[in-house]
């Protein structure tokens, strides 16, 4: 599994991709608590990081 991930994601993009996944995870947690402003915030952060990274 580790080899697949390392072949799929280059080493320069590993940590930004991890950060994007954490942003989306935070949005999911806040969605469960129905805090829609923070959901939008974290999804926007994920999109911004993705735009800069990729």
Protein backbone atom coordinates (compact mmCIF):
# COMPACT_ATOMS: atom_id res chain seq x y z
CA UNK A 1 0.00 0.00 0.00
CA UNK A 2 2.78 2.42 0.93
CA UNK A 3 4.51 1.82 -2.40
CA UNK A 4 1.29 2.55 -4.28
CA UNK A 5 0.81 5.83 -2.43
CA UNK A 6 4.40 6.90 -2.92
CA UNK A 7 4.22 6.11 -6.66
CA UNK A 8 0.91 7.93 -7.01
CA UNK A 9 1.86 11.07 -5.07
CA UNK A 10 5.28 12.62 -5.56
CA UNK A 11 7.26 13.47 -2.46
CA UNK A 12 6.77 17.22 -3.01
CA UNK A 13 2.99 16.83 -2.98
CA UNK A 14 2.65 14.32 -0.15
CA UNK A 15 2.23 16.79 2.74
CA UNK A 16 -0.02 19.24 0.85
CA UNK A 17 -2.23 16.30 -0.11
CA UNK A 18 -2.31 15.17 3.51
CA UNK A 19 -3.30 18.70 4.55
CA UNK A 20 -6.12 18.70 1.98
CA UNK A 21 -7.40 15.41 3.40
CA UNK A 22 -7.31 16.86 6.94
CA UNK A 23 -9.23 19.92 5.72
CA UNK A 24 -11.93 17.73 4.22
CA UNK A 25 -12.00 15.64 7.40
CA UNK A 26 -12.52 18.75 9.50
CA UNK A 27 -15.38 19.77 7.20
CA UNK A 28 -17.01 16.36 7.72
CA UNK A 29 -16.73 16.67 11.51
CA UNK A 30 -18.30 20.13 11.49
CA UNK A 31 -21.03 18.93 9.11
CA UNK A 32 -21.99 16.31 11.70
CA UNK A 33 -22.37 19.15 14.23
CA UNK A 34 -24.30 21.21 11.66
CA UNK A 35 -21.89 24.15 11.85
CA UNK A 36 -22.23 25.17 8.21
CA UNK A 37 -19.95 28.20 8.38
CA UNK A 38 -17.02 26.08 9.46
CA UNK A 39 -17.89 23.44 6.85
CA UNK A 40 -17.66 26.08 4.16
CA UNK A 41 -14.44 27.43 5.67
CA UNK A 42 -12.68 24.05 5.70
CA UNK A 43 -13.90 23.10 2.23
CA UNK A 44 -12.66 26.44 0.91
CA UNK A 45 -9.30 25.80 2.58
CA UNK A 46 -9.12 22.39 0.89
CA UNK A 47 -9.97 23.87 -2.51
CA UNK A 48 -7.40 26.65 -2.07
CA UNK A 49 -4.70 24.17 -1.09
CA UNK A 50 -5.58 21.96 -4.05
CA UNK A 51 -5.46 24.92 -6.44
CA UNK A 52 -2.03 25.93 -5.20
CA UNK A 53 -0.65 22.38 -5.07
CA UNK A 54 -1.96 20.96 -8.33
